[in-house]
């Protein structure tokens, strides 16, 4: 019996060791056997910050999703479908990426490396998954804004809600499939290079879209400077919506700047420096704040969504059992 228990324990340890080896291209597990105090402090700060923003992310993005889905005038607009897609990916950042990050850091501090490796694996996988979908959604928003300006009169005919929904499902499916293959299937470095090149091309395309939008809007402003016609009002509405989308893109890029810097420094080092790792730990926490910031931008810039959110929260409040009984009693009176 003792021999069987010893064999099971050794096989479990061997499996954990082999599992941790899969993470070696991304982090040095051996360096983490003895953590310096500054890393522990940075990790605790990042965990507390993540717990706070995680709650905000789940609450705010749930409100956005329900507000769009429960309001017919909002869910039939193409730009709101893309905002809903972004809110869904942000919700899953708070549902999976942030909790797995906190669990991984706690296991690391407590020295439970067998659980740390599992949590880091889940954290890496879900982070690539949902951060990538957010990036693709922002790219789709950039293209949608350009098409809205370029086609103008034919926009509602060409860009329908059905086509946008199909597009959203397609890029969600392609990205999930690609990342799943990379993490659980064929681990070929060429696939990673192709993925990075694809993201760079998408980012370049987004930049070109906004450059063309700015040029066109500037040209229209010259012609409609003193105009109060319907075209002038439409252009003002388009400009406000486009500025909102630019804020979303700017928030996304801004949240990733510390992460990119620390990742670049870490990649250039022959041996992992725990000071850089501590900074990277905080940078990851800052990346995830973007999922909580996005809905705040929606509510600030989109008045229709803000009003719909108020109605949604009122509905949720009335759906609670005690409030439902009180409302039924008042209606009888």
Protein backbone atom coordinates (compact mmCIF):
# COMPACT_ATOMS: atom_id res chain seq x y z
CA UNK A 1 0.00 0.00 0.00
CA UNK A 2 2.84 2.35 0.91
CA UNK A 3 4.61 1.51 -2.37
CA UNK A 4 1.44 2.32 -4.35
CA UNK A 5 1.05 5.64 -2.53
CA UNK A 6 4.70 6.49 -3.17
CA UNK A 7 4.35 5.58 -6.85
CA UNK A 8 1.22 7.72 -7.22
CA UNK A 9 2.92 10.68 -5.53
CA UNK A 10 6.02 10.39 -7.73
CA UNK A 11 3.98 10.08 -10.92
CA UNK A 12 1.95 13.13 -9.88
CA UNK A 13 5.13 15.11 -9.24
CA UNK A 14 6.57 14.01 -12.59
CA UNK A 15 3.39 15.12 -14.36
CA UNK A 16 3.50 18.50 -12.60
CA UNK A 17 7.19 18.92 -13.49
CA UNK A 18 6.52 18.13 -17.15
CA UNK A 19 3.55 20.50 -17.11
CA UNK A 20 5.70 23.29 -15.67
CA UNK A 21 8.24 22.69 -18.41
CA UNK A 22 5.65 23.75 -20.99
CA UNK A 23 5.77 27.23 -19.43
CA UNK A 24 9.55 27.63 -19.67
CA UNK A 25 9.47 29.63 -22.92
CA UNK A 26 7.43 32.26 -21.03
CA UNK A 27 8.89 32.21 -17.52
CA UNK A 28 11.69 30.64 -15.48
CA UNK A 29 10.02 28.44 -12.87
CA UNK A 30 13.29 27.68 -11.05
CA UNK A 31 13.99 31.37 -10.36
CA UNK A 32 10.65 31.54 -8.53
CA UNK A 33 11.68 28.95 -5.91
CA UNK A 34 12.94 31.77 -3.65
CA UNK A 35 11.10 35.07 -4.05
CA UNK A 36 12.63 38.40 -3.01
CA UNK A 37 10.56 40.64 -0.74
CA UNK A 38 10.03 43.33 -3.38
CA UNK A 39 8.40 40.77 -5.70
CA UNK A 40 6.06 39.58 -2.92
CA UNK A 41 5.01 43.20 -2.23
CA UNK A 42 4.45 43.87 -5.95
CA UNK A 43 2.48 40.63 -6.27
CA UNK A 44 0.22 41.45 -3.30
CA UNK A 45 -0.44 44.96 -4.65
CA UNK A 46 -1.26 43.53 -8.09
CA UNK A 47 -3.58 40.90 -6.58
CA UNK A 48 -5.51 43.44 -4.47
CA UNK A 49 -5.79 45.76 -7.47
CA UNK A 50 -6.99 42.86 -9.64
CA UNK A 51 -9.64 41.80 -7.14
CA UNK A 52 -11.08 45.34 -7.05
CA UNK A 53 -11.06 45.82 -10.83
CA UNK A 54 -12.37 42.27 -11.36
CA UNK A 55 -15.54 43.08 -9.42
CA UNK A 56 -15.95 46.34 -11.35
CA UNK A 57 -15.34 44.56 -14.67
CA UNK A 58 -17.99 41.91 -14.05
CA UNK A 59 -20.58 44.40 -12.79
CA UNK A 60 -20.08 47.10 -15.45
CA UNK A 61 -19.84 44.79 -18.45
CA UNK A 62 -22.85 42.76 -17.34
CA UNK A 63 -24.80 46.04 -17.22
CA UNK A 64 -23.63 46.94 -20.74
CA UNK A 65 -24.55 43.53 -22.18
CA UNK A 66 -28.01 43.49 -20.59
CA UNK A 67 -28.67 47.12 -21.55
CA UNK A 68 -27.95 46.46 -25.22
CA UNK A 69 -29.79 43.12 -25.32
CA UNK A 70 -32.88 44.43 -23.49
CA UNK A 71 -33.18 47.65 -25.50
CA UNK A 72 -34.49 47.10 -29.09
CA UNK A 73 -33.32 50.51 -30.31
CA UNK A 74 -29.75 49.68 -29.23
CA UNK A 75 -29.43 46.06 -30.29
CA UNK A 76 -30.47 46.87 -33.85
CA UNK A 77 -27.55 49.29 -34.37
CA UNK A 78 -24.41 47.74 -35.86
CA UNK A 79 -21.97 49.72 -33.72
CA UNK A 80 -23.75 48.57 -30.55
CA UNK A 81 -23.41 44.93 -31.61
CA UNK A 82 -19.64 45.45 -31.74
CA UNK A 83 -19.72 47.22 -28.37
CA UNK A 84 -21.62 44.22 -26.98
CA UNK A 85 -18.97 41.88 -28.38
CA UNK A 86 -16.29 43.98 -26.67
CA UNK A 87 -18.25 43.91 -23.41
CA UNK A 88 -18.55 40.11 -23.61
CA UNK A 89 -14.79 39.64 -24.07
CA UNK A 90 -14.13 42.13 -21.26
CA UNK A 91 -16.57 40.23 -19.03
CA UNK A 92 -14.60 37.02 -19.57
CA UNK A 93 -11.38 38.86 -18.75
CA UNK A 94 -12.88 39.52 -15.32
CA UNK A 95 -14.36 36.03 -15.12
CA UNK A 96 -11.26 34.01 -16.04
CA UNK A 97 -8.06 36.01 -16.66
CA UNK A 98 -8.04 38.05 -13.47
CA UNK A 99 -9.05 35.23 -11.06
CA UNK A 100 -6.46 32.88 -12.56
CA UNK A 101 -3.80 35.61 -12.20
CA UNK A 102 -4.67 36.10 -8.52
CA UNK A 103 -4.70 32.33 -7.86
CA UNK A 104 -1.32 31.93 -9.61
CA UNK A 105 0.32 34.71 -7.60
CA UNK A 106 -1.08 33.43 -4.30
CA UNK A 107 0.17 29.90 -5.08
CA UNK A 108 3.57 31.34 -5.97
CA UNK A 109 3.85 33.27 -2.71
CA UNK A 110 2.79 30.19 -0.71
CA UNK A 111 5.28 28.01 -2.59
CA UNK A 112 2.65 25.69 -4.09
CA UNK A 113 4.36 25.36 -7.47
CA UNK A 114 2.22 22.41 -8.60
CA UNK A 115 -0.91 24.61 -8.49
CA UNK A 116 1.00 27.67 -9.68
CA UNK A 117 1.84 26.04 -13.00
CA UNK A 118 -1.77 25.06 -13.65
CA UNK A 119 -3.05 28.54 -12.76
CA UNK A 120 -0.42 30.26 -14.95
CA UNK A 121 -1.31 28.00 -17.87
CA UNK A 122 -5.00 28.90 -17.56
CA UNK A 123 -4.08 32.56 -17.12
CA UNK A 124 -1.91 32.64 -20.26
CA UNK A 125 -4.48 30.78 -22.34
CA UNK A 126 -7.48 32.91 -21.33
CA UNK A 127 -5.49 36.14 -21.56
CA UNK A 128 -4.43 35.40 -25.14
CA UNK A 129 -7.98 34.31 -25.90
CA UNK A 130 -10.06 37.24 -24.64
CA UNK A 131 -7.49 40.02 -25.04
CA UNK A 132 -7.13 38.91 -28.65
CA UNK A 133 -10.89 39.01 -29.19
CA UNK A 134 -10.99 42.52 -27.70
CA UNK A 135 -8.26 43.57 -30.14
CA UNK A 136 -10.18 42.09 -33.09
CA UNK A 137 -13.39 43.78 -31.95
CA UNK A 138 -11.68 47.17 -31.78
CA UNK A 139 -10.34 46.51 -35.28
CA UNK A 140 -13.85 45.66 -36.48
CA UNK A 141 -15.08 48.93 -34.93
CA UNK A 142 -12.39 50.83 -36.85
CA UNK A 143 -13.48 49.24 -40.13
CA UNK A 144 -17.17 49.85 -39.31
CA UNK A 145 -16.52 53.55 -38.71
CA UNK A 146 -14.64 53.85 -42.00
CA UNK A 147 -17.40 52.08 -43.93
CA UNK A 148 -20.03 54.29 -42.28
CA UNK A 149 -18.20 57.35 -43.59
CA UNK A 150 -17.18 55.94 -46.96
CA UNK A 151 -20.56 54.58 -48.06
CA UNK A 152 -22.73 57.00 -46.04
CA UNK A 153 -26.04 56.75 -47.94
CA UNK A 154 -25.64 53.03 -48.69
CA UNK A 155 -24.35 52.17 -45.22
CA UNK A 156 -27.61 50.77 -43.82
CA UNK A 157 -28.10 48.74 -46.99
CA UNK A 158 -24.61 47.19 -46.99
CA UNK A 159 -23.77 46.95 -43.27
CA UNK A 160 -26.73 45.14 -41.72
CA UNK A 161 -27.03 43.81 -38.19
CA UNK A 162 -27.15 40.24 -39.52
CA UNK A 163 -23.87 40.67 -41.39
CA UNK A 164 -22.20 42.24 -38.38
CA UNK A 165 -23.37 39.42 -36.09
CA UNK A 166 -22.05 36.82 -38.57
CA UNK A 167 -18.72 38.69 -38.74
CA UNK A 168 -18.48 38.73 -34.93
CA UNK A 169 -19.13 34.99 -34.73
CA UNK A 170 -16.55 34.30 -37.45
CA UNK A 171 -13.66 36.18 -35.83
CA UNK A 172 -14.55 34.80 -32.38
CA UNK A 173 -14.49 31.25 -33.80
CA UNK A 174 -11.27 31.72 -35.79
CA UNK A 175 -9.39 33.31 -32.89
CA UNK A 176 -10.54 30.74 -30.31
CA UNK A 177 -9.63 27.89 -32.67
CA UNK A 178 -6.19 29.35 -33.45
CA UNK A 179 -5.24 30.01 -29.82
CA UNK A 180 -6.54 26.59 -28.72
CA UNK A 181 -4.42 24.88 -31.38
CA UNK A 182 -1.35 26.85 -30.26
CA UNK A 183 -1.81 25.99 -26.57
CA UNK A 184 -3.17 22.46 -26.66
CA UNK A 185 -2.27 21.15 -30.10
CA UNK A 186 0.56 21.81 -32.51
CA UNK A 187 3.23 23.92 -30.80
CA UNK A 188 5.15 25.20 -33.77
CA UNK A 189 7.01 28.49 -33.41
CA UNK A 190 6.06 29.38 -37.01
CA UNK A 191 2.38 29.54 -35.96
CA UNK A 192 3.25 32.09 -33.28
CA UNK A 193 5.16 34.21 -35.79
CA UNK A 194 2.21 34.07 -38.18
CA UNK A 195 -0.09 35.15 -35.34
CA UNK A 196 2.12 38.12 -34.43
CA UNK A 197 2.42 39.14 -38.09
CA UNK A 198 -1.36 38.91 -38.46
CA UNK A 199 -1.89 41.19 -35.44
CA UNK A 200 0.63 43.70 -36.81
CA UNK A 201 -1.19 43.79 -40.16
CA UNK A 202 -4.51 44.30 -38.39
CA UNK A 203 -3.03 47.16 -36.34
CA UNK A 204 -1.64 48.74 -39.52
CA UNK A 205 -5.05 48.44 -41.18
CA UNK A 206 -6.70 50.11 -38.16
CA UNK A 207 -4.25 53.00 -38.37
CA UNK A 208 -4.98 53.48 -42.08
CA UNK A 209 -8.72 53.46 -41.39
CA UNK A 210 -8.44 56.25 -38.83
CA UNK A 211 -6.09 58.27 -41.04
CA UNK A 212 -8.62 58.13 -43.88
CA UNK A 213 -11.45 58.96 -41.46
CA UNK A 214 -9.61 62.04 -40.18
CA UNK A 215 -8.88 63.26 -43.70
CA UNK A 216 -12.48 62.80 -44.83
CA UNK A 217 -13.96 64.41 -41.71
CA UNK A 218 -11.61 67.38 -42.06
CA UNK A 219 -12.66 67.84 -45.68
CA UNK A 220 -16.35 67.65 -44.75
CA UNK A 221 -15.87 70.16 -41.92
CA UNK A 222 -14.55 72.74 -44.41
CA UNK A 223 -17.66 72.37 -46.60
CA UNK A 224 -20.15 72.24 -43.70
CA UNK A 225 -18.62 74.75 -41.32
CA UNK A 226 -21.63 77.06 -41.40
CA UNK A 227 -24.21 74.46 -42.38
CA UNK A 228 -27.13 73.44 -40.16
CA UNK A 229 -28.50 70.92 -42.62
CA UNK A 230 -29.19 67.25 -41.87
CA UNK A 231 -25.81 66.32 -43.38
CA UNK A 232 -24.10 68.67 -40.91
CA UNK A 233 -25.93 67.09 -37.97
CA UNK A 234 -25.13 63.58 -39.23
CA UNK A 235 -21.46 64.48 -39.54
CA UNK A 236 -21.43 65.88 -35.99
CA UNK A 237 -23.02 62.64 -34.70
CA UNK A 238 -20.54 60.55 -36.68
CA UNK A 239 -17.62 62.58 -35.34
CA UNK A 240 -18.75 62.07 -31.74
CA UNK A 241 -19.20 58.32 -32.24
CA UNK A 242 -15.81 58.03 -33.93
CA UNK A 243 -14.14 59.98 -31.11
CA UNK A 244 -15.66 57.49 -28.65
CA UNK A 245 -14.16 54.60 -30.59
CA UNK A 246 -10.78 56.37 -30.69
CA UNK A 247 -10.94 56.71 -26.90
CA UNK A 248 -11.54 52.95 -26.65
CA UNK A 249 -8.56 52.23 -28.89
CA UNK A 250 -6.42 54.73 -26.96
CA UNK A 251 -7.38 53.13 -23.63
CA UNK A 252 -6.51 49.70 -25.02
CA UNK A 253 -3.12 50.81 -26.34
CA UNK A 254 -2.34 52.82 -23.19
CA UNK A 255 -3.03 49.88 -20.90
CA UNK A 256 -0.63 47.69 -22.90
CA UNK A 257 2.34 50.10 -23.00
CA UNK A 258 3.83 49.06 -19.58
CA UNK A 259 3.20 45.40 -20.48
CA UNK A 260 4.99 45.70 -23.83
CA UNK A 261 7.94 47.51 -22.22
CA UNK A 262 8.44 44.94 -19.44
CA UNK A 263 7.93 42.03 -21.86
CA UNK A 264 10.52 43.46 -24.28
CA UNK A 265 13.06 43.94 -21.47
CA UNK A 266 12.44 40.43 -20.16
CA UNK A 267 12.78 38.90 -23.64
CA UNK A 268 16.12 40.66 -24.19
CA UNK A 269 17.64 39.22 -21.00
CA UNK A 270 19.56 35.95 -20.98
CA UNK A 271 18.41 35.22 -17.41
CA UNK A 272 15.18 36.40 -15.86
CA UNK A 273 15.54 39.39 -13.55
CA UNK A 274 12.99 39.32 -10.73
CA UNK A 275 12.93 43.13 -10.61
CA UNK A 276 11.64 43.15 -14.17
CA UNK A 277 9.26 40.31 -13.28
CA UNK A 278 7.87 42.35 -10.38
CA UNK A 279 7.28 45.31 -12.71
CA UNK A 280 5.73 42.94 -15.24
CA UNK A 281 3.39 41.60 -12.56
CA UNK A 282 2.06 45.12 -11.94
CA UNK A 283 1.92 45.77 -15.71
CA UNK A 284 -0.33 42.73 -16.20
CA UNK A 285 -2.70 44.10 -13.55
CA UNK A 286 -2.80 47.41 -15.46
CA UNK A 287 -3.66 45.57 -18.70
CA UNK A 288 -6.74 44.07 -17.11
CA UNK A 289 -8.00 47.47 -15.92
CA UNK A 290 -8.89 48.17 -19.55
CA UNK A 291 -11.80 45.72 -19.22
CA UNK A 292 -13.27 47.94 -16.46
CA UNK A 293 -12.44 51.24 -18.16
CA UNK A 294 -14.21 50.41 -21.45
CA UNK A 295 -17.78 50.39 -20.04
CA UNK A 296 -17.05 53.65 -18.20
CA UNK A 297 -16.19 55.19 -21.59
CA UNK A 298 -19.47 53.85 -23.05
CA UNK A 299 -21.54 55.38 -20.26
CA UNK A 300 -19.67 58.67 -20.45
CA UNK A 301 -19.86 59.11 -24.22
CA UNK A 302 -23.04 57.29 -25.32
CA UNK A 303 -26.09 58.93 -23.76
CA UNK A 304 -28.52 56.32 -25.16
CA UNK A 305 -26.56 53.51 -23.52
CA UNK A 306 -26.34 55.46 -20.27
CA UNK A 307 -30.12 55.87 -20.15
CA UNK A 308 -30.65 52.23 -21.10
CA UNK A 309 -28.31 51.19 -18.26
CA UNK A 310 -30.40 53.17 -15.77
CA UNK A 311 -33.56 51.40 -16.97
CA UNK A 312 -31.79 48.04 -16.84
CA UNK A 313 -30.65 48.54 -13.26
CA UNK A 314 -34.19 49.63 -12.36
CA UNK A 315 -35.57 46.44 -13.93
CA UNK A 316 -33.06 44.27 -12.07
CA UNK A 317 -33.98 46.03 -8.83
CA UNK A 318 -37.70 45.36 -9.43
CA UNK A 319 -37.00 41.73 -10.32
CA UNK A 320 -35.76 41.03 -6.78
CA UNK A 321 -38.40 38.97 -4.90
CA UNK A 322 -39.01 41.47 -2.06
CA UNK A 323 -39.34 44.38 -4.49
CA UNK A 324 -41.63 42.36 -6.76
CA UNK A 325 -44.02 41.69 -3.85
CA UNK A 326 -44.02 45.38 -2.90
CA UNK A 327 -44.75 46.49 -6.50
CA UNK A 328 -47.59 43.98 -6.80
CA UNK A 329 -49.04 45.22 -3.50
CA UNK A 330 -48.80 48.86 -4.65
CA UNK A 331 -50.48 48.04 -7.96
CA UNK A 332 -53.41 46.43 -6.13
CA UNK A 333 -53.84 49.54 -4.03
